[in-house]
Every structure is written in C-alpha cells, then in structure tokens.
Amino acid sequence: MSDHLDTSGVFINSIIGEGTSFSGDILLSGLIRIDGDFKGSITTEGKVLIGKNGRAECMIKADTVVIGGVVKGDIISSDKVVILSTGMLIGNIAAPRLVAEEGVILNGMCTISNGKIPTEPEETSGDKEVQDDLERYNPEKKVFSLWKG
C-alpha cells in the first residue's frame, strides 16, 4: 500500500479540506474525506477517509474507515478499518477486519469479529498523556515533538 489515499474512480460526497476546521455531527450515506480538522461524530453506510494531513477527534461509524492522518476516538466498522503507514489512532476499533501497515501508531483496544457486525467498543479513557501525545505528533516526520506547538 502507498502513503496516499487513492480515490480515483470514487465519488466523494463530502470533503473537509486542508486548512478547514469543522465541529459537529455528520450523517451521510456516501463517502467523506477529511484533510483538515474535524471534531464531532461521523455516521455513514459508506467510507470515511482521513487524509495524511487530516485530524479527527470523533466517533466514527462506517462501512470502511481508512486512516492516513490522526484520529482520536472510537471506530465501529461493518467491513474493515485500514490504517496507513502515516496513520495514528488513539481509540478503540470494533470491525470484522483490520489492516495496519508497518509504522502505524495505535493506542486502544481492537475487537476483530471474523466477519460479524461488531458491537460498540469500550470508551477510551481520555487520558491526559494520550491527549498530550496527540497534540505533539507530527505526521510528516512520524515523530513526537518534545514541546507543544
């Protein structure tokens, strides 16, 4: 797999572009791509794509979730969750399948259900250290900064 999200031949219903911040609850039936900052929740029968520069602090319920950026929150998928090598997830996963490339950062519990529709994962602790790590993470260099900002 590559470090970018291939969306050729795929119709994107909604996009939160790089440099954009949005808070709220999103309910849609298709695909959403996040390249900016999002806080809230996403529910779709389609796909959720978090681009390399995307940051999402939210609960995601979708058919397929592809993470190339940073996600803090729980994910429930009816098909699969894919974490690309540039991806970071602080939260729990409940899905029939999980694909994680080498180099991902994953801090949470995974419930893989062998093709069965998953149930809700346990809530994340909201640990302050995890929040601090999320704020210091630099996805370009795949490193954590010693200083915030």
N, C-alpha and C. Protein backbone atom coordinates (compact mmCIF):
# COMPACT_ATOMS: atom_id res chain seq x y z
N MET A 1 0.83 -1.18 0.00
CA MET A 1 0.00 0.00 0.00
C MET A 1 0.88 1.24 0.00
N SER A 2 0.32 2.33 -0.45
CA SER A 2 1.09 3.56 -0.52
C SER A 2 0.72 4.50 0.61
N ASP A 3 1.47 5.60 0.72
CA ASP A 3 1.23 6.58 1.77
C ASP A 3 0.10 7.56 1.42
N HIS A 4 -0.48 7.46 0.25
CA HIS A 4 -1.57 8.36 -0.10
C HIS A 4 -2.86 7.56 -0.27
N LEU A 5 -3.97 8.28 -0.21
CA LEU A 5 -5.26 7.63 -0.35
C LEU A 5 -5.70 7.72 -1.79
N ASP A 6 -5.85 6.58 -2.44
CA ASP A 6 -6.28 6.56 -3.83
C ASP A 6 -7.80 6.63 -3.90
N THR A 7 -8.31 7.74 -4.41
CA THR A 7 -9.75 7.90 -4.53
C THR A 7 -10.18 7.97 -5.99
N SER A 8 -9.32 7.52 -6.90
CA SER A 8 -9.68 7.54 -8.31
C SER A 8 -10.86 6.61 -8.54
N GLY A 9 -11.82 7.07 -9.29
CA GLY A 9 -12.99 6.28 -9.59
C GLY A 9 -14.00 6.22 -8.46
N VAL A 10 -13.79 7.02 -7.42
CA VAL A 10 -14.68 7.03 -6.27
C VAL A 10 -15.30 8.41 -6.16
N PHE A 11 -16.62 8.46 -6.00
CA PHE A 11 -17.31 9.73 -5.84
C PHE A 11 -17.29 10.13 -4.37
N ILE A 12 -16.73 11.29 -4.07
CA ILE A 12 -16.66 11.79 -2.70
C ILE A 12 -17.85 12.72 -2.47
N ASN A 13 -18.74 12.33 -1.55
CA ASN A 13 -19.91 13.14 -1.24
C ASN A 13 -19.54 14.44 -0.53
N SER A 14 -18.64 14.32 0.43
CA SER A 14 -18.29 15.45 1.28
C SER A 14 -16.80 15.48 1.52
N ILE A 15 -16.26 16.69 1.71
CA ILE A 15 -14.84 16.83 1.99
C ILE A 15 -14.64 17.98 2.96
N ILE A 16 -13.76 17.75 3.91
CA ILE A 16 -13.30 18.82 4.79
C ILE A 16 -11.85 19.04 4.40
N GLY A 17 -11.60 20.10 3.66
CA GLY A 17 -10.32 20.33 3.04
C GLY A 17 -9.23 20.77 4.01
N GLU A 18 -8.00 20.65 3.54
CA GLU A 18 -6.84 21.07 4.33
C GLU A 18 -6.99 22.54 4.67
N GLY A 19 -6.69 22.90 5.92
CA GLY A 19 -6.84 24.27 6.37
C GLY A 19 -8.22 24.60 6.89
N THR A 20 -9.15 23.63 6.83
CA THR A 20 -10.51 23.84 7.30
C THR A 20 -10.72 23.15 8.63
N SER A 21 -11.44 23.82 9.52
CA SER A 21 -11.82 23.22 10.81
C SER A 21 -13.33 23.15 10.86
N PHE A 22 -13.86 22.02 11.35
CA PHE A 22 -15.31 21.84 11.42
C PHE A 22 -15.64 21.03 12.66
N SER A 23 -16.68 21.45 13.38
CA SER A 23 -17.18 20.71 14.53
C SER A 23 -18.65 20.42 14.31
N GLY A 24 -19.06 19.19 14.64
CA GLY A 24 -20.46 18.84 14.51
C GLY A 24 -20.64 17.35 14.30
N ASP A 25 -21.87 16.97 14.04
CA ASP A 25 -22.21 15.58 13.79
C ASP A 25 -22.58 15.44 12.32
N ILE A 26 -21.92 14.50 11.64
CA ILE A 26 -22.16 14.30 10.21
C ILE A 26 -22.85 12.97 10.01
N LEU A 27 -23.96 12.99 9.29
CA LEU A 27 -24.70 11.79 8.92
C LEU A 27 -24.86 11.82 7.41
N LEU A 28 -24.30 10.82 6.71
CA LEU A 28 -24.41 10.77 5.26
C LEU A 28 -24.47 9.32 4.80
N SER A 29 -24.76 9.12 3.52
CA SER A 29 -24.87 7.75 3.02
C SER A 29 -23.71 7.37 2.11
N GLY A 30 -22.82 8.29 1.84
CA GLY A 30 -21.72 8.00 0.92
C GLY A 30 -20.37 8.11 1.59
N LEU A 31 -19.44 8.73 0.87
CA LEU A 31 -18.05 8.82 1.29
C LEU A 31 -17.71 10.23 1.75
N ILE A 32 -16.94 10.32 2.82
CA ILE A 32 -16.43 11.62 3.27
C ILE A 32 -14.92 11.51 3.40
N ARG A 33 -14.25 12.58 2.99
CA ARG A 33 -12.79 12.66 3.11
C ARG A 33 -12.46 13.85 4.00
N ILE A 34 -11.57 13.63 4.96
CA ILE A 34 -11.16 14.69 5.87
C ILE A 34 -9.67 14.94 5.70
N ASP A 35 -9.34 16.14 5.23
CA ASP A 35 -7.94 16.56 5.10
C ASP A 35 -7.63 17.72 6.04
N GLY A 36 -8.66 18.22 6.72
CA GLY A 36 -8.49 19.31 7.68
C GLY A 36 -8.69 18.79 9.09
N ASP A 37 -9.27 19.64 9.95
CA ASP A 37 -9.52 19.28 11.34
C ASP A 37 -11.02 19.12 11.56
N PHE A 38 -11.40 18.01 12.21
CA PHE A 38 -12.80 17.73 12.47
C PHE A 38 -12.97 17.24 13.90
N LYS A 39 -14.05 17.72 14.55
CA LYS A 39 -14.38 17.27 15.90
C LYS A 39 -15.88 17.02 15.94
N GLY A 40 -16.28 15.84 16.40
CA GLY A 40 -17.71 15.52 16.48
C GLY A 40 -17.94 14.03 16.30
N SER A 41 -18.86 13.69 15.38
CA SER A 41 -19.13 12.29 15.07
C SER A 41 -19.47 12.16 13.59
N ILE A 42 -19.17 10.97 13.05
CA ILE A 42 -19.48 10.68 11.66
C ILE A 42 -20.21 9.34 11.61
N THR A 43 -21.33 9.32 10.92
CA THR A 43 -22.08 8.08 10.70
C THR A 43 -22.40 7.99 9.22
N THR A 44 -21.97 6.89 8.58
CA THR A 44 -22.25 6.68 7.17
C THR A 44 -22.30 5.19 6.86
N GLU A 45 -23.05 4.85 5.83
CA GLU A 45 -23.06 3.47 5.32
C GLU A 45 -21.93 3.28 4.32
N GLY A 46 -21.20 4.35 4.03
CA GLY A 46 -20.11 4.32 3.07
C GLY A 46 -18.76 4.32 3.75
N LYS A 47 -17.83 5.10 3.15
CA LYS A 47 -16.44 5.14 3.62
C LYS A 47 -16.12 6.47 4.28
N VAL A 48 -15.17 6.40 5.21
CA VAL A 48 -14.58 7.59 5.80
C VAL A 48 -13.09 7.52 5.51
N LEU A 49 -12.57 8.56 4.87
CA LEU A 49 -11.15 8.64 4.55
C LEU A 49 -10.54 9.80 5.32
N ILE A 50 -9.54 9.52 6.13
CA ILE A 50 -8.82 10.57 6.85
C ILE A 50 -7.47 10.70 6.14
N GLY A 51 -7.28 11.83 5.44
CA GLY A 51 -6.06 12.04 4.67
C GLY A 51 -4.83 12.21 5.55
N LYS A 52 -3.68 12.18 4.93
CA LYS A 52 -2.39 12.26 5.63
C LYS A 52 -2.31 13.47 6.56
N ASN A 53 -2.89 14.59 6.17
CA ASN A 53 -2.85 15.80 6.99
C ASN A 53 -4.13 16.01 7.78
N GLY A 54 -5.06 15.06 7.71
CA GLY A 54 -6.32 15.16 8.43
C GLY A 54 -6.17 14.83 9.90
N ARG A 55 -6.96 15.53 10.71
CA ARG A 55 -7.00 15.28 12.16
C ARG A 55 -8.46 15.23 12.56
N ALA A 56 -8.86 14.13 13.20
CA ALA A 56 -10.26 13.98 13.61
C ALA A 56 -10.33 13.52 15.06
N GLU A 57 -11.12 14.24 15.83
CA GLU A 57 -11.41 13.83 17.20
C GLU A 57 -12.89 13.52 17.21
N CYS A 58 -13.21 12.23 16.98
CA CYS A 58 -14.61 11.89 16.80
C CYS A 58 -14.86 10.40 16.92
N MET A 59 -16.14 10.07 17.06
CA MET A 59 -16.63 8.71 16.98
C MET A 59 -17.00 8.48 15.52
N ILE A 60 -16.55 7.34 14.94
CA ILE A 60 -16.83 7.05 13.54
C ILE A 60 -17.59 5.72 13.46
N LYS A 61 -18.72 5.74 12.77
CA LYS A 61 -19.47 4.53 12.45
C LYS A 61 -19.60 4.51 10.94
N ALA A 62 -18.99 3.51 10.28
CA ALA A 62 -18.98 3.47 8.82
C ALA A 62 -18.78 2.04 8.34
N ASP A 63 -18.99 1.85 7.03
CA ASP A 63 -18.70 0.56 6.41
C ASP A 63 -17.19 0.33 6.41
N THR A 64 -16.45 1.30 5.87
CA THR A 64 -14.99 1.21 5.78
C THR A 64 -14.39 2.52 6.27
N VAL A 65 -13.30 2.41 7.03
CA VAL A 65 -12.58 3.59 7.52
C VAL A 65 -11.12 3.43 7.12
N VAL A 66 -10.56 4.46 6.44
CA VAL A 66 -9.15 4.46 6.04
C VAL A 66 -8.50 5.66 6.72
N ILE A 67 -7.44 5.38 7.50
CA ILE A 67 -6.78 6.42 8.28
C ILE A 67 -5.37 6.64 7.75
N GLY A 68 -5.13 7.85 7.23
CA GLY A 68 -3.79 8.24 6.81
C GLY A 68 -3.24 9.34 7.69
N GLY A 69 -4.11 9.94 8.51
CA GLY A 69 -3.73 11.03 9.41
C GLY A 69 -3.89 10.62 10.86
N VAL A 70 -4.45 11.53 11.67
CA VAL A 70 -4.59 11.30 13.10
C VAL A 70 -6.06 11.25 13.48
N VAL A 71 -6.44 10.20 14.21
CA VAL A 71 -7.80 10.05 14.71
C VAL A 71 -7.74 9.79 16.20
N LYS A 72 -8.53 10.56 16.96
CA LYS A 72 -8.72 10.28 18.38
C LYS A 72 -10.20 10.02 18.57
N GLY A 73 -10.53 8.78 18.87
CA GLY A 73 -11.92 8.40 19.06
C GLY A 73 -12.13 6.95 18.65
N ASP A 74 -13.29 6.44 18.95
CA ASP A 74 -13.60 5.05 18.67
C ASP A 74 -14.17 4.88 17.27
N ILE A 75 -13.91 3.69 16.70
CA ILE A 75 -14.36 3.37 15.35
C ILE A 75 -15.16 2.08 15.37
N ILE A 76 -16.33 2.12 14.76
CA ILE A 76 -17.13 0.92 14.54
C ILE A 76 -17.29 0.79 13.03
N SER A 77 -16.82 -0.33 12.49
CA SER A 77 -16.87 -0.56 11.05
C SER A 77 -17.61 -1.85 10.76
N SER A 78 -18.48 -1.82 9.75
CA SER A 78 -19.19 -3.04 9.37
C SER A 78 -18.40 -3.86 8.35
N ASP A 79 -17.30 -3.31 7.80
CA ASP A 79 -16.47 -4.05 6.85
C ASP A 79 -15.02 -4.12 7.32
N LYS A 80 -14.29 -2.97 7.23
CA LYS A 80 -12.89 -3.00 7.64
C LYS A 80 -12.38 -1.62 8.01
N VAL A 81 -11.29 -1.64 8.78
CA VAL A 81 -10.54 -0.44 9.12
C VAL A 81 -9.14 -0.62 8.56
N VAL A 82 -8.67 0.39 7.82
CA VAL A 82 -7.33 0.36 7.24
C VAL A 82 -6.55 1.53 7.84
N ILE A 83 -5.39 1.23 8.42
CA ILE A 83 -4.52 2.29 8.95
C ILE A 83 -3.26 2.29 8.10
N LEU A 84 -3.07 3.38 7.36
CA LEU A 84 -1.90 3.51 6.50
C LEU A 84 -0.66 3.82 7.33
N SER A 85 0.51 3.70 6.74
CA SER A 85 1.77 3.88 7.47
C SER A 85 1.90 5.26 8.10
N THR A 86 1.20 6.26 7.57
CA THR A 86 1.23 7.62 8.13
C THR A 86 0.16 7.82 9.20
N GLY A 87 -0.64 6.79 9.46
CA GLY A 87 -1.79 6.91 10.35
C GLY A 87 -1.48 6.74 11.82
N MET A 88 -2.33 7.40 12.62
CA MET A 88 -2.25 7.29 14.07
C MET A 88 -3.68 7.23 14.60
N LEU A 89 -3.96 6.23 15.45
CA LEU A 89 -5.28 6.10 16.06
C LEU A 89 -5.12 5.99 17.56
N ILE A 90 -5.79 6.91 18.28
CA ILE A 90 -5.89 6.84 19.72
C ILE A 90 -7.36 6.55 19.99
N GLY A 91 -7.70 5.29 20.17
CA GLY A 91 -9.09 4.91 20.37
C GLY A 91 -9.27 3.43 20.08
N ASN A 92 -10.48 2.97 20.26
CA ASN A 92 -10.80 1.56 20.11
C ASN A 92 -11.40 1.28 18.74
N ILE A 93 -11.21 0.04 18.29
CA ILE A 93 -11.74 -0.40 17.00
C ILE A 93 -12.62 -1.62 17.22
N ALA A 94 -13.79 -1.62 16.58
CA ALA A 94 -14.64 -2.81 16.50
C ALA A 94 -14.95 -3.00 15.02
N ALA A 95 -14.47 -4.09 14.43
CA ALA A 95 -14.63 -4.31 12.99
C ALA A 95 -14.43 -5.79 12.66
N PRO A 96 -14.98 -6.24 11.53
CA PRO A 96 -14.71 -7.61 11.09
C PRO A 96 -13.26 -7.80 10.64
N ARG A 97 -12.65 -6.72 10.07
CA ARG A 97 -11.28 -6.84 9.56
C ARG A 97 -10.49 -5.58 9.89
N LEU A 98 -9.18 -5.77 10.13
CA LEU A 98 -8.26 -4.66 10.39
C LEU A 98 -7.03 -4.86 9.54
N VAL A 99 -6.64 -3.80 8.80
CA VAL A 99 -5.42 -3.81 8.01
C VAL A 99 -4.56 -2.66 8.52
N ALA A 100 -3.36 -2.98 8.99
CA ALA A 100 -2.47 -1.94 9.51
C ALA A 100 -1.11 -2.08 8.85
N GLU A 101 -0.67 -1.02 8.17
CA GLU A 101 0.64 -1.03 7.54
C GLU A 101 1.73 -0.88 8.60
N GLU A 102 2.94 -1.24 8.22
CA GLU A 102 4.08 -1.10 9.12
C GLU A 102 4.29 0.37 9.46
N GLY A 103 4.53 0.66 10.73
CA GLY A 103 4.81 2.02 11.16
C GLY A 103 3.64 2.78 11.73
N VAL A 104 2.45 2.18 11.76
CA VAL A 104 1.29 2.88 12.31
C VAL A 104 1.44 3.04 13.82
N ILE A 105 0.71 4.00 14.36
CA ILE A 105 0.63 4.16 15.81
C ILE A 105 -0.82 3.89 16.19
N LEU A 106 -1.00 2.92 17.08
CA LEU A 106 -2.34 2.51 17.52
C LEU A 106 -2.32 2.36 19.02
N ASN A 107 -3.16 3.15 19.70
CA ASN A 107 -3.27 3.07 21.15
C ASN A 107 -4.74 2.88 21.47
N GLY A 108 -5.13 1.64 21.71
CA GLY A 108 -6.52 1.34 22.01
C GLY A 108 -6.76 -0.15 21.91
N MET A 109 -7.98 -0.54 22.13
CA MET A 109 -8.36 -1.95 22.05
C MET A 109 -8.94 -2.25 20.67
N CYS A 110 -8.65 -3.45 20.18
CA CYS A 110 -9.19 -3.89 18.89
C CYS A 110 -10.07 -5.10 19.11
N THR A 111 -11.28 -5.03 18.61
CA THR A 111 -12.18 -6.18 18.62
C THR A 111 -12.45 -6.55 17.18
N ILE A 112 -11.84 -7.65 16.73
CA ILE A 112 -12.00 -8.11 15.36
C ILE A 112 -12.96 -9.29 15.41
N SER A 113 -14.06 -9.19 14.64
CA SER A 113 -15.18 -10.10 14.84
C SER A 113 -15.37 -11.16 13.76
N ASN A 114 -14.34 -11.48 12.97
CA ASN A 114 -14.42 -12.53 11.96
C ASN A 114 -15.64 -12.44 11.06
N GLY A 115 -15.86 -11.28 10.48
CA GLY A 115 -16.94 -11.11 9.51
C GLY A 115 -18.29 -10.80 10.11
N LYS A 116 -18.41 -10.79 11.41
CA LYS A 116 -19.68 -10.45 12.06
C LYS A 116 -19.74 -8.95 12.29
N ILE A 117 -20.94 -8.41 12.28
CA ILE A 117 -21.11 -6.97 12.53
C ILE A 117 -20.73 -6.71 13.98
N PRO A 118 -19.81 -5.74 14.20
CA PRO A 118 -19.28 -5.52 15.55
C PRO A 118 -20.26 -4.79 16.46
N THR A 119 -19.99 -4.93 17.75
CA THR A 119 -20.72 -4.15 18.75
C THR A 119 -19.86 -2.96 19.13
N GLU A 120 -20.40 -2.06 19.91
CA GLU A 120 -19.68 -0.85 20.30
C GLU A 120 -18.44 -1.19 21.11
N PRO A 121 -17.31 -0.52 20.82
CA PRO A 121 -16.11 -0.72 21.65
C PRO A 121 -16.28 -0.02 22.98
N GLU A 122 -15.44 -0.39 23.94
CA GLU A 122 -15.44 0.31 25.23
C GLU A 122 -14.95 1.73 25.00
N GLU A 123 -15.42 2.66 25.86
CA GLU A 123 -15.00 4.05 25.72
C GLU A 123 -13.52 4.21 26.04
N THR A 124 -12.87 5.17 25.35
CA THR A 124 -11.48 5.48 25.64
C THR A 124 -11.41 6.23 26.96
N SER A 125 -10.27 6.17 27.59
CA SER A 125 -10.11 6.75 28.92
C SER A 125 -10.03 8.27 28.90
N GLY A 126 -9.64 8.87 27.77
CA GLY A 126 -9.46 10.31 27.72
C GLY A 126 -8.23 10.73 28.51
N ASP A 127 -7.29 9.85 28.64
CA ASP A 127 -6.08 10.07 29.42
C ASP A 127 -5.36 11.33 28.94
N LYS A 128 -4.95 12.19 29.88
CA LYS A 128 -4.28 13.44 29.53
C LYS A 128 -2.97 13.19 28.78
N GLU A 129 -2.21 12.14 29.15
CA GLU A 129 -0.97 11.84 28.45
C GLU A 129 -1.22 11.52 26.98
N VAL A 130 -2.30 10.80 26.70
CA VAL A 130 -2.64 10.48 25.32
C VAL A 130 -2.98 11.75 24.56
N GLN A 131 -3.73 12.67 25.18
CA GLN A 131 -4.06 13.94 24.55
C GLN A 131 -2.80 14.74 24.27
N ASP A 132 -1.87 14.77 25.22
CA ASP A 132 -0.62 15.48 25.02
C ASP A 132 0.16 14.89 23.86
N ASP A 133 0.20 13.54 23.76
CA ASP A 133 0.89 12.88 22.66
C ASP A 133 0.26 13.26 21.33
N LEU A 134 -1.06 13.29 21.28
CA LEU A 134 -1.77 13.63 20.05
C LEU A 134 -1.42 15.05 19.60
N GLU A 135 -1.32 15.98 20.55
CA GLU A 135 -1.00 17.36 20.21
C GLU A 135 0.44 17.53 19.74
N ARG A 136 1.35 16.67 20.21
CA ARG A 136 2.76 16.78 19.85
C ARG A 136 3.12 15.98 18.60
N TYR A 137 2.22 15.16 18.09
CA TYR A 137 2.53 14.28 16.97
C TYR A 137 2.69 15.06 15.67
N ASN A 138 3.76 14.78 14.92
CA ASN A 138 4.00 15.40 13.62
C ASN A 138 3.90 14.31 12.56
N PRO A 139 2.78 14.23 11.80
CA PRO A 139 2.62 13.15 10.83
C PRO A 139 3.62 13.19 9.68
N GLU A 140 4.16 14.37 9.37
CA GLU A 140 5.14 14.48 8.28
C GLU A 140 6.41 13.71 8.60
N LYS A 141 6.87 13.83 9.84
CA LYS A 141 8.13 13.21 10.24
C LYS A 141 7.92 11.92 11.02
N LYS A 142 6.64 11.59 11.33
CA LYS A 142 6.31 10.38 12.08
C LYS A 142 7.02 10.36 13.42
N VAL A 143 7.13 11.53 14.06
CA VAL A 143 7.79 11.64 15.36
C VAL A 143 6.95 12.50 16.29
N PHE A 144 7.25 12.40 17.55
CA PHE A 144 6.62 13.24 18.54
C PHE A 144 7.58 14.36 18.90
N SER A 145 7.07 15.56 19.03
CA SER A 145 7.86 16.70 19.45
C SER A 145 7.99 16.67 20.97
N LEU A 146 9.08 17.17 21.49
CA LEU A 146 9.25 17.27 22.93
C LEU A 146 8.50 18.46 23.50
N TRP A 147 8.16 19.41 22.64
CA TRP A 147 7.46 20.60 23.06
C TRP A 147 6.16 20.73 22.29
N LYS A 148 5.14 21.26 22.95
CA LYS A 148 3.87 21.53 22.27
C LYS A 148 4.06 22.75 21.38
N GLY A 149 3.26 22.78 20.28
CA GLY A 149 3.28 23.96 19.43
C GLY A 149 4.21 23.88 18.35
